[in-house]
Amino acid sequence: MTLALALPAHGVGSREDLPLPFHLLLIGAGLALVVSFVALGALWKQPRLRGEDGRLLPITLSLALDSAPVRGLFVALSLAITGWTLVALLFGKDDANNPVPSVVYVWLWVGLAFTSMLFGGVWRLVNPVRWIRRGLLALGRIEEEFSLSEYRLGYWPAAVGLLAFAWLELVAPDNADLFTLRVAILGYLVLSLVLSLLFGPAYLRTGDPFTAWCSLYGTLSPLGRRTDGRWVWRTPLHGPLQVEARPGLLAVTSVMLGSTAYDGFSGETRWYSFVQSSDLPSEVWGTAALVTFSLVVAGSLYAAASLSARLAGVSVRGVATAFASSLVPIAAGYLIAHYWSLWVWEGTNGLAKMSDPLGTGANLLGTAGLNPPAALIAPGFVAGVQVVAIITGHVLGVVLAHERAITLFPRRAAVVGQLPLLAVMVVYTVGGLTLLFSS
């Protein structure tokens, strides 16, 4: 079984489904960014997004979110899904009805990101490795903060891990076969457990790839904590600005955006024909392209941020990392645009398959008859979701970059210093829409 047989194409919108000609859409998207930039320069001259902003949640809701029973319920659900998936992984049939590919490539990759955008970075709480580690330490009567070495790698392990997962999903041959998934899943569990025992909870907070994936997307959630730790409603602009500029932040955000962009590019007819006609294995070209897309994102933002710093007359050291969080809403826009239809279609089908983990024809969860809602994957609706997601993500990115610029740069040079960043975001917007609506 291959992933191509297990999962539908990512996105079903086309240029024919758009409400206006494609070239006008590109012009309008670019103008939206330019107008936003001009308006920000004229009206937004002082930093406005502070860590203490937000409207406090009702006390009962805040207490519920922090309560042991509520958190325990989510942890128990996570462990139950993990155990159920492992049963299908180890003892299920290797056919198209096995739920494991859907759980890994749709629920874990896409579903967790979407959930985090709504409710925050939930993986940090429900990560099964965290609880396996805690159980092992409890058996040995060892304190939870135990580690053998201080953790200093920042987001770099997360960037490598996310790139490896993207390679598994988008490039690796036979990536939905149970043997491949057994090696990948058990390898991840063992490696993560070893690293968490070596470096302690600090690794699980920053270095774990899925924690970084969910936590960064979770900064866009309307639910968040102020700097004093209290729960608040807030805008999707506040969270990314609170991300600490640690080593590897630019790398991990570049992988988040670059891997999704590669996914869109890999479906291009000309690229597909070139790869199929080449004497080199398709995996070689796919790997090179995936890495290249991530490097292009990182390199373009680094170059733009460095040029911005020079125009503003400040040191370039650390500037690219400081602007890296402005890529988060852009990556979120690409993710929604590329994977909305996949999530609706295969997320629902995956839930149906979970009722029969061993492939015996059972309906243990009562979900075997579920069907994806057709209205949510209608071509016209999906095209609208794609356009809105891409443009909204880039506008939010422009606002975040502006807020960061007026914080880092002298006031007189802040607007001029943002011009290279604006140019990069316009290129991202046009490129993203072109990849989505290539036909």
Protein backbone atom coordinates (compact mmCIF):
# COMPACT_ATOMS: atom_id res chain seq x y z
CA MET A 1 0.00 0.00 0.00
CA THR A 2 1.27 3.47 -0.82
CA LEU A 3 0.28 6.80 0.58
CA ALA A 4 -1.03 7.86 -2.80
CA LEU A 5 -3.65 5.12 -2.54
CA ALA A 6 -4.46 5.89 1.08
CA LEU A 7 -4.91 9.64 0.92
CA PRO A 8 -6.60 11.98 -1.58
CA ALA A 9 -4.90 14.87 -3.31
CA HIS A 10 -4.20 17.88 -1.12
CA GLY A 11 -6.73 20.54 -2.07
CA VAL A 12 -9.41 20.34 -4.70
CA GLY A 13 -9.81 24.00 -5.67
CA SER A 14 -8.82 25.16 -9.15
CA ARG A 15 -8.67 28.45 -11.07
CA GLU A 16 -12.11 27.71 -12.53
CA ASP A 17 -13.54 27.70 -8.99
CA LEU A 18 -12.27 31.20 -8.19
CA PRO A 19 -14.77 34.11 -8.14
CA LEU A 20 -12.44 36.30 -10.25
CA PRO A 21 -9.65 35.78 -12.83
CA PHE A 22 -6.44 34.38 -11.37
CA HIS A 23 -4.23 37.28 -12.45
CA LEU A 24 -6.58 39.71 -10.71
CA LEU A 25 -6.40 37.56 -7.59
CA LEU A 26 -2.60 37.80 -7.59
CA ILE A 27 -2.70 41.57 -8.07
CA GLY A 28 -5.30 41.95 -5.35
CA ALA A 29 -3.33 39.80 -2.90
CA GLY A 30 -0.16 41.78 -3.50
CA LEU A 31 -2.02 45.07 -3.13
CA ALA A 32 -3.56 43.87 0.13
CA LEU A 33 -0.08 43.44 1.58
CA VAL A 34 1.18 46.77 0.25
CA VAL A 35 -1.87 48.67 1.52
CA SER A 36 -1.52 46.96 4.91
CA PHE A 37 2.14 47.99 5.02
CA VAL A 38 1.38 51.62 4.14
CA ALA A 39 -1.44 51.82 6.67
CA LEU A 40 0.76 50.35 9.39
CA GLY A 41 3.54 52.78 8.62
CA ALA A 42 1.16 55.72 8.87
CA LEU A 43 -0.99 54.67 11.81
CA TRP A 44 1.03 52.15 13.87
CA LYS A 45 4.12 54.04 15.00
CA GLN A 46 4.56 52.64 18.52
CA PRO A 47 4.64 49.02 19.77
CA ARG A 48 1.09 48.00 20.69
CA LEU A 49 1.14 44.27 21.29
CA ARG A 50 2.16 43.55 24.88
CA GLY A 51 2.42 40.35 26.85
CA GLU A 52 0.00 41.65 29.47
CA ASP A 53 -2.75 42.29 26.89
CA GLY A 54 -5.91 40.22 26.67
CA ARG A 55 -9.37 39.89 28.16
CA LEU A 56 -9.44 37.67 31.22
CA LEU A 57 -11.42 34.44 30.92
CA PRO A 58 -14.21 33.84 33.45
CA ILE A 59 -12.67 32.47 36.62
CA THR A 60 -14.62 29.22 36.38
CA LEU A 61 -13.30 28.55 32.87
CA SER A 62 -9.74 29.42 33.90
CA LEU A 63 -9.93 27.05 36.87
CA ALA A 64 -11.35 24.32 34.65
CA LEU A 65 -8.52 24.68 32.12
CA ASP A 66 -5.94 24.27 34.89
CA SER A 67 -7.80 21.59 36.85
CA ALA A 68 -6.31 18.13 37.24
CA PRO A 69 -9.52 16.28 36.18
CA VAL A 70 -9.83 18.19 32.88
CA ARG A 71 -6.16 17.83 32.04
CA GLY A 72 -6.24 14.21 33.11
CA LEU A 73 -9.15 13.57 30.76
CA PHE A 74 -7.18 14.88 27.78
CA VAL A 75 -4.10 12.91 28.77
CA ALA A 76 -6.15 9.73 29.18
CA LEU A 77 -7.73 10.29 25.76
CA SER A 78 -4.30 10.81 24.20
CA LEU A 79 -2.90 7.66 25.77
CA ALA A 80 -5.99 5.70 24.72
CA ILE A 81 -5.63 6.84 21.09
CA THR A 82 -1.91 6.02 21.23
CA GLY A 83 -2.58 2.53 22.57
CA TRP A 84 -5.40 1.91 20.08
CA THR A 85 -3.15 3.03 17.22
CA LEU A 86 -0.30 0.80 18.41
CA VAL A 87 -2.68 -2.18 18.37
CA ALA A 88 -3.52 -1.45 14.72
CA LEU A 89 0.16 -0.83 13.98
CA LEU A 90 1.45 -4.06 15.50
CA PHE A 91 -1.41 -6.47 14.89
CA GLY A 92 -3.60 -4.94 12.16
CA LYS A 93 -3.71 -5.89 8.50
CA ASP A 94 -1.43 -4.11 6.06
CA ASP A 95 -4.15 -2.84 3.75
CA ALA A 96 -6.01 0.34 2.83
CA ASN A 97 -8.43 -0.09 5.76
CA ASN A 98 -5.75 0.13 8.43
CA PRO A 99 -6.21 3.43 10.34
CA VAL A 100 -2.54 4.03 11.18
CA PRO A 101 -1.61 6.07 8.05
CA SER A 102 -4.57 8.36 8.65
CA VAL A 103 -3.68 8.80 12.32
CA VAL A 104 -0.03 9.58 11.57
CA TYR A 105 -0.25 11.66 8.41
CA VAL A 106 -3.60 13.36 8.98
CA TRP A 107 -4.53 13.42 12.68
CA LEU A 108 -0.99 13.87 14.03
CA TRP A 109 0.32 16.20 11.32
CA VAL A 110 -2.70 18.23 10.25
CA GLY A 111 -5.26 17.66 12.99
CA LEU A 112 -2.92 18.63 15.82
CA ALA A 113 -1.96 21.82 14.00
CA PHE A 114 -5.59 22.80 13.43
CA THR A 115 -6.48 21.95 17.03
CA SER A 116 -3.56 24.00 18.31
CA MET A 117 -4.63 27.03 16.27
CA LEU A 118 -7.95 26.89 18.12
CA PHE A 119 -7.00 25.81 21.63
CA GLY A 120 -3.23 26.29 21.95
CA GLY A 121 -0.28 23.90 21.87
CA VAL A 122 -2.00 20.83 23.32
CA TRP A 123 0.77 18.36 22.46
CA ARG A 124 2.96 19.61 25.30
CA LEU A 125 0.32 18.30 27.70
CA VAL A 126 -0.77 15.10 25.96
CA ASN A 127 2.57 13.97 24.49
CA PRO A 128 2.67 10.24 25.37
CA VAL A 129 6.47 10.35 25.68
CA ARG A 130 6.10 12.81 28.54
CA TRP A 131 3.87 10.43 30.46
CA ILE A 132 5.92 7.33 29.68
CA ARG A 133 8.97 9.20 30.97
CA ARG A 134 7.12 10.33 34.06
CA GLY A 135 6.00 6.75 34.76
CA LEU A 136 9.53 5.40 34.43
CA LEU A 137 10.91 8.07 36.75
CA ALA A 138 8.15 7.39 39.28
CA LEU A 139 9.03 3.68 39.29
CA GLY A 140 12.62 4.62 40.05
CA ARG A 141 11.54 7.25 42.60
CA ILE A 142 13.35 9.94 40.62
CA GLU A 143 12.16 13.56 40.49
CA GLU A 144 10.48 14.74 37.32
CA GLU A 145 13.10 17.41 36.55
CA PHE A 146 15.83 14.75 36.32
CA SER A 147 18.33 15.13 33.47
CA LEU A 148 21.84 13.93 32.71
CA SER A 149 22.88 17.03 30.78
CA GLU A 150 21.78 20.64 30.37
CA TYR A 151 19.71 21.24 27.24
CA ARG A 152 21.16 23.94 24.98
CA LEU A 153 20.06 22.96 21.46
CA GLY A 154 16.93 25.11 21.28
CA TYR A 155 14.69 24.30 18.32
CA TRP A 156 17.33 22.54 16.24
CA PRO A 157 16.25 18.96 17.10
CA ALA A 158 12.65 19.97 16.36
CA ALA A 159 13.66 21.35 12.95
CA VAL A 160 15.49 18.13 12.08
CA GLY A 161 12.62 16.00 13.36
CA LEU A 162 9.98 17.92 11.41
CA LEU A 163 12.07 17.74 8.25
CA ALA A 164 12.42 13.97 8.75
CA PHE A 165 8.66 13.60 9.22
CA ALA A 166 7.94 15.73 6.14
CA TRP A 167 10.33 13.52 4.19
CA LEU A 168 8.53 10.42 5.43
CA GLU A 169 5.15 11.81 4.43
CA LEU A 170 6.04 13.46 1.13
CA VAL A 171 9.07 11.62 -0.27
CA ALA A 172 9.67 8.20 1.29
CA PRO A 173 8.62 5.14 -0.76
CA ASP A 174 5.99 2.79 0.70
CA ASN A 175 5.40 5.27 3.50
CA ALA A 176 1.98 3.85 4.38
CA ASP A 177 3.20 0.26 4.68
CA LEU A 178 3.00 -1.02 8.23
CA PHE A 179 6.67 -2.01 8.28
CA THR A 180 7.73 1.56 7.43
CA LEU A 181 5.33 3.01 9.98
CA ARG A 182 6.46 0.58 12.66
CA VAL A 183 10.07 1.63 12.20
CA ALA A 184 9.14 5.34 12.15
CA ILE A 185 6.74 5.34 15.11
CA LEU A 186 8.67 3.05 17.41
CA GLY A 187 11.90 4.82 16.44
CA TYR A 188 10.37 8.18 17.34
CA LEU A 189 9.08 6.90 20.69
CA VAL A 190 12.39 5.34 21.66
CA LEU A 191 14.55 8.26 20.49
CA SER A 192 12.29 10.83 22.15
CA LEU A 193 12.29 8.89 25.40
CA VAL A 194 16.09 8.62 25.41
CA LEU A 195 16.53 12.33 24.65
CA SER A 196 13.97 13.32 27.29
CA LEU A 197 15.81 11.23 29.89
CA LEU A 198 19.13 12.70 28.81
CA PHE A 199 18.08 16.37 28.67
CA GLY A 200 15.02 16.39 30.91
CA PRO A 201 11.72 18.25 30.43
CA ALA A 202 13.53 21.10 28.64
CA TYR A 203 13.92 18.85 25.59
CA LEU A 204 10.21 18.00 25.56
CA ARG A 205 9.29 21.71 25.78
CA THR A 206 11.44 22.88 22.87
CA GLY A 207 13.32 20.10 21.10
CA ASP A 208 10.50 17.64 20.50
CA PRO A 209 9.33 18.15 16.88
CA PHE A 210 5.60 17.75 17.48
CA THR A 211 5.69 19.95 20.57
CA ALA A 212 7.39 22.69 18.56
CA TRP A 213 4.94 22.16 15.68
CA CYS A 214 1.89 22.47 17.94
CA SER A 215 3.27 25.15 20.25
CA LEU A 216 4.19 27.51 17.41
CA TYR A 217 0.84 27.06 15.67
CA GLY A 218 -0.77 27.31 19.10
CA THR A 219 0.51 30.87 19.47
CA LEU A 220 -2.24 31.86 17.00
CA SER A 221 -4.97 30.55 19.30
CA PRO A 222 -7.47 33.01 20.79
CA LEU A 223 -6.75 31.26 24.10
CA GLY A 224 -3.49 32.22 25.73
CA ARG A 225 -1.72 33.21 28.91
CA ARG A 226 -0.60 36.70 29.84
CA THR A 227 2.90 37.24 31.14
CA ASP A 228 1.49 36.77 34.66
CA GLY A 229 0.22 33.31 33.69
CA ARG A 230 -3.51 34.10 33.70
CA TRP A 231 -5.77 32.80 30.91
CA VAL A 232 -7.05 35.43 28.46
CA TRP A 233 -8.78 35.87 25.13
CA ARG A 234 -6.32 37.51 22.74
CA THR A 235 -5.67 38.22 19.07
CA PRO A 236 -3.62 35.85 16.87
CA LEU A 237 -0.95 38.57 16.82
CA HIS A 238 -0.03 38.41 20.50
CA GLY A 239 1.15 34.82 20.76
CA PRO A 240 3.88 34.76 18.08
CA LEU A 241 5.50 37.85 19.61
CA GLN A 242 5.89 35.99 22.92
CA VAL A 243 7.94 33.20 21.31
CA GLU A 244 11.43 33.28 22.74
CA ALA A 245 14.12 33.77 20.09
CA ARG A 246 16.03 30.56 20.75
CA PRO A 247 18.61 28.88 18.49
CA GLY A 248 16.94 27.04 15.62
CA LEU A 249 13.72 29.07 15.63
CA LEU A 250 14.32 30.28 12.07
CA ALA A 251 15.10 26.71 11.01
CA VAL A 252 11.95 25.19 12.47
CA THR A 253 9.62 27.88 11.08
CA SER A 254 11.30 27.54 7.68
CA VAL A 255 10.66 23.78 7.70
CA MET A 256 7.03 24.41 8.68
CA LEU A 257 6.53 26.69 5.68
CA GLY A 258 8.96 25.08 3.26
CA SER A 259 7.64 21.54 3.62
CA THR A 260 4.08 22.63 2.85
CA ALA A 261 5.27 24.69 -0.13
CA TYR A 262 7.16 21.65 -1.43
CA ASP A 263 4.02 19.56 -1.08
CA GLY A 264 2.22 21.94 -3.42
CA PHE A 265 5.16 22.07 -5.81
CA SER A 266 5.53 18.29 -5.97
CA GLY A 267 2.12 18.04 -7.63
CA GLU A 268 3.17 20.28 -10.52
CA THR A 269 2.88 18.41 -13.82
CA ARG A 270 6.20 19.67 -15.16
CA TRP A 271 8.05 18.70 -11.99
CA TYR A 272 6.37 15.31 -11.85
CA SER A 273 7.22 14.63 -15.51
CA PHE A 274 10.83 15.71 -14.99
CA VAL A 275 11.28 13.42 -11.99
CA GLN A 276 9.70 10.45 -13.76
CA SER A 277 11.92 10.91 -16.83
CA SER A 278 15.14 11.25 -14.80
CA ASP A 279 17.63 8.42 -14.41
CA LEU A 280 17.92 9.24 -10.70
CA PRO A 281 15.42 7.76 -8.24
CA SER A 282 12.47 10.03 -7.52
CA GLU A 283 13.38 9.97 -3.82
CA VAL A 284 16.67 11.74 -4.59
CA TRP A 285 14.91 14.58 -6.39
CA GLY A 286 12.17 14.75 -3.78
CA THR A 287 14.66 14.95 -0.93
CA ALA A 288 16.70 17.63 -2.69
CA ALA A 289 13.60 19.69 -3.45
CA LEU A 290 12.20 19.39 0.09
CA VAL A 291 15.48 20.55 1.62
CA THR A 292 15.83 23.29 -0.99
CA PHE A 293 12.39 24.74 -0.26
CA SER A 294 13.17 24.89 3.46
CA LEU A 295 16.55 26.49 2.78
CA VAL A 296 15.02 29.03 0.40
CA VAL A 297 12.52 30.11 3.06
CA ALA A 298 15.26 30.41 5.69
CA GLY A 299 17.68 32.11 3.31
CA SER A 300 15.16 34.63 1.97
CA LEU A 301 14.00 35.68 5.43
CA TYR A 302 17.59 35.87 6.69
CA ALA A 303 18.64 38.01 3.72
CA ALA A 304 15.59 40.29 4.03
CA ALA A 305 16.00 40.67 7.79
CA SER A 306 19.72 41.38 7.46
CA LEU A 307 19.12 43.99 4.75
CA SER A 308 16.37 45.53 6.89
CA ALA A 309 18.78 45.77 9.81
CA ARG A 310 21.41 47.46 7.64
CA LEU A 311 18.86 49.94 6.29
CA ALA A 312 17.82 50.69 9.86
CA GLY A 313 21.44 51.08 10.96
CA VAL A 314 21.44 48.31 13.58
CA SER A 315 23.44 45.12 14.01
CA VAL A 316 22.27 42.14 11.94
CA ARG A 317 23.08 39.72 14.76
CA GLY A 318 19.96 37.86 15.86
CA VAL A 319 17.60 39.93 13.69
CA ALA A 320 16.52 37.04 11.45
CA THR A 321 15.68 34.91 14.49
CA ALA A 322 13.71 37.81 15.97
CA PHE A 323 11.59 38.01 12.81
CA ALA A 324 11.19 34.23 12.47
CA SER A 325 7.93 34.14 14.42
CA SER A 326 6.31 36.31 11.72
CA LEU A 327 6.48 33.20 9.52
CA VAL A 328 4.09 31.31 11.82
CA PRO A 329 0.80 32.81 10.50
CA ILE A 330 2.11 32.48 6.93
CA ALA A 331 2.88 28.80 7.52
CA ALA A 332 -0.56 28.40 9.10
CA GLY A 333 -2.19 29.93 6.03
CA TYR A 334 -0.35 27.53 3.74
CA LEU A 335 -1.22 24.59 5.99
CA ILE A 336 -4.93 25.38 6.00
CA ALA A 337 -4.95 26.02 2.25
CA HIS A 338 -3.14 22.81 1.36
CA TYR A 339 -4.66 20.41 3.86
CA TRP A 340 -8.21 21.55 4.56
CA SER A 341 -9.80 19.08 2.15
CA LEU A 342 -7.41 16.33 3.24
CA TRP A 343 -8.37 16.89 6.87
CA VAL A 344 -12.10 16.82 6.19
CA TRP A 345 -11.91 13.81 3.87
CA GLU A 346 -9.29 11.53 5.33
CA GLY A 347 -9.72 12.74 8.91
CA THR A 348 -13.31 11.47 8.77
CA ASN A 349 -12.34 8.29 6.96
CA GLY A 350 -9.61 7.71 9.54
CA LEU A 351 -12.17 7.88 12.33
CA ALA A 352 -14.28 5.34 10.47
CA LYS A 353 -11.28 3.02 10.11
CA MET A 354 -10.45 3.30 13.82
CA SER A 355 -13.53 1.19 14.57
CA ASP A 356 -11.76 -1.81 13.04
CA PRO A 357 -8.08 -1.69 14.09
CA LEU A 358 -7.45 -5.38 13.40
CA GLY A 359 -9.23 -5.53 10.06
CA THR A 360 -11.83 -8.08 11.16
CA GLY A 361 -14.88 -6.15 9.99
CA ALA A 362 -15.72 -4.95 13.50
CA ASN A 363 -17.34 -1.63 14.40
CA LEU A 364 -15.99 -1.25 17.93
CA LEU A 365 -16.39 2.52 18.16
CA GLY A 366 -19.58 2.79 16.14
CA THR A 367 -17.91 5.07 13.58
CA ALA A 368 -17.59 2.68 10.64
CA GLY A 369 -20.40 4.34 8.70
CA LEU A 370 -19.09 7.91 8.90
CA ASN A 371 -18.79 9.86 5.67
CA PRO A 372 -17.02 13.20 5.07
CA PRO A 373 -19.43 16.17 4.80
CA ALA A 374 -19.57 16.97 1.10
CA ALA A 375 -20.25 20.68 1.61
CA LEU A 376 -16.89 21.20 3.33
CA ILE A 377 -14.92 19.78 0.41
CA ALA A 378 -16.93 21.28 -2.45
CA PRO A 379 -14.44 22.78 -4.98
CA GLY A 380 -15.80 26.32 -4.72
CA PHE A 381 -15.76 26.28 -0.92
CA VAL A 382 -12.23 24.85 -0.80
CA ALA A 383 -10.98 27.48 -3.26
CA GLY A 384 -12.42 30.18 -1.00
CA VAL A 385 -10.78 28.66 2.07
CA GLN A 386 -7.45 28.54 0.25
CA VAL A 387 -7.51 32.17 -0.88
CA VAL A 388 -8.66 33.52 2.49
CA ALA A 389 -6.10 31.41 4.39
CA ILE A 390 -3.15 32.47 2.23
CA ILE A 391 -3.97 36.19 2.22
CA THR A 392 -4.92 36.34 5.91
CA GLY A 393 -1.73 34.53 6.92
CA HIS A 394 0.42 36.97 4.97
CA VAL A 395 -1.37 40.06 6.25
CA LEU A 396 -0.87 38.82 9.82
CA GLY A 397 2.78 38.19 8.96
CA VAL A 398 3.17 41.78 7.74
CA VAL A 399 1.63 43.13 10.95
CA LEU A 400 3.89 40.96 13.12
CA ALA A 401 6.96 42.02 11.15
CA HIS A 402 5.94 45.66 11.55
CA GLU A 403 5.47 45.32 15.31
CA ARG A 404 8.84 43.61 15.61
CA ALA A 405 10.52 46.24 13.43
CA ILE A 406 9.29 49.23 15.43
CA THR A 407 10.46 47.41 18.56
CA LEU A 408 13.95 46.62 17.24
CA PHE A 409 14.67 49.50 14.86
CA PRO A 410 14.91 53.25 15.46
CA ARG A 411 11.58 54.94 14.74
CA ARG A 412 12.88 57.02 11.84
CA ALA A 413 14.16 53.92 10.03
CA ALA A 414 11.59 51.31 11.04
CA VAL A 415 9.31 51.68 8.00
CA VAL A 416 12.12 51.85 5.44
CA GLY A 417 13.79 48.90 7.13
CA GLN A 418 10.72 46.74 6.55
CA LEU A 419 10.74 47.09 2.76
CA PRO A 420 12.89 43.97 2.14
CA LEU A 421 10.61 41.94 4.42
CA LEU A 422 7.52 43.23 2.60
CA ALA A 423 9.05 42.23 -0.74
CA VAL A 424 9.70 38.71 0.53
CA MET A 425 6.14 38.34 1.80
CA VAL A 426 4.68 39.52 -1.51
CA VAL A 427 6.79 36.85 -3.24
CA TYR A 428 5.57 34.23 -0.75
CA THR A 429 1.95 35.24 -1.39
CA VAL A 430 2.19 35.12 -5.19
CA GLY A 431 4.16 31.89 -5.05
CA GLY A 432 1.75 30.23 -2.66
CA LEU A 433 -1.33 31.12 -4.69
CA THR A 434 0.40 30.01 -7.90
CA LEU A 435 1.25 26.62 -6.40
CA LEU A 436 -2.29 26.17 -5.15
CA PHE A 437 -3.99 27.17 -8.39
CA SER A 438 -1.49 25.90 -10.95
CA SER A 439 -4.26 24.83 -13.32
